[in-house]
């Protein structure tokens, strides 16, 4: 089971919606806790279906600040214990019948109200008399040690002491992370005002860690937000999904690359000058040229985006300096440009009339573009002997072998 906690910093604009839907598509969580939604319950309803998480508990924001929600998919047995301004507390029934507790927390950012966060955590701990396995995640807006913040005004020692004491009283401990240490960065371009800190975390008691000994915690991609999502997987890292070559197709996002129009025009004119192939021949030559240009000059978009994000990650993890802050701002612009091209690619996949150029409402596109792929995907097959084949080369070979047996004239596919 995968649980994600994220301070999404509001869901009232295009980039925020893009970031949430992309994370939902790539991470495929079973339970999703969001803080700082800035939307009332009725406005959050649409995300139930676009995320594929049919169930929801929400606490409305105060004006246009705060607001929390917990989504979970159909088939996940969740029972509400309590919820309020700062938390959602539920019981989750596992596949083996055992019940464990999950709490999503959004701590107060105002220094005058931080005591209310600590009081809430202690009260939740007092309600935990049955001794169930307990996972507590969220943006606590607090750190337990001064080494979890760089830049800005230092945290008050009394606040850090009270924060630690709250978890000690509840028998909860930090269960670590993979990835970037700091989950929140203000992304200021000036060194003197740049701040990074670890406000988001996953904590659990010993029984939960014993129940899920293979768990993993990842501080994920922040996307539009200045907070990283905390991704808890009770079964550890999943296997990489196989991919294959779909052959040549013209990608609309190429037109956003410098030199694309010149490549097309040059090859088209050269093909006509050589003659002999007509329109079909010229189109074939252009296709070959564009495929080579994409491979040798531009590079595969997903790989470039992955490398760009990795470069940004490395930069963000370096010690804060004036050069580092400028380089981070530059890399962030590069990644944002590639993400725009990725969404252009998503629009092309829909085969539906595009929205007006510049509209960033990609929820419509991403949901439709991914629906067929998700519904047509074969994840497991049961063989004649009762054994189960999961995704991977062995499953692909079994499917090919089956259809060759049914129809011997079918030849092997690439």
Foldseek 3Di string as FASTA:
>chain_A
DKEKAEALQEDPDLQSVVVVLVCLVVVVGQKYKYKFHLDAPVVCCVVCVLSQFVDKDWDHDDNRTIIMMMTGHPPWDWAWDDDDRFKTKIWTQDPVGAIAIEMEGDADQDPVCRVVLLVVLQVVLVVCVVVGKYKYWYQRNDELDQVQKDADDTDDNVSNVSVVVSCVSSQKDFPDEDAASFFAWPLDLALNHTMTGNRTGMIIHPNNCVVQVQKHWYQADSRPHRGTMIMIDSNHDDDDFDDDDPDFDDFPLVVVDPPSVVLLVVQLVVDVVVDDPPPVVSVVSSRVSVVCCQPPPVDDLVVVLVVLVVVLSVLVRDPRDNVSSNVNVVSVVVNVSSVVSVLSRLQVQLPDDDDDPPRSNSSVSNSNSCVVVVVPDDAWDADPVRDIDGGDPVVVVVVQVVVCVVPVVDDDDD
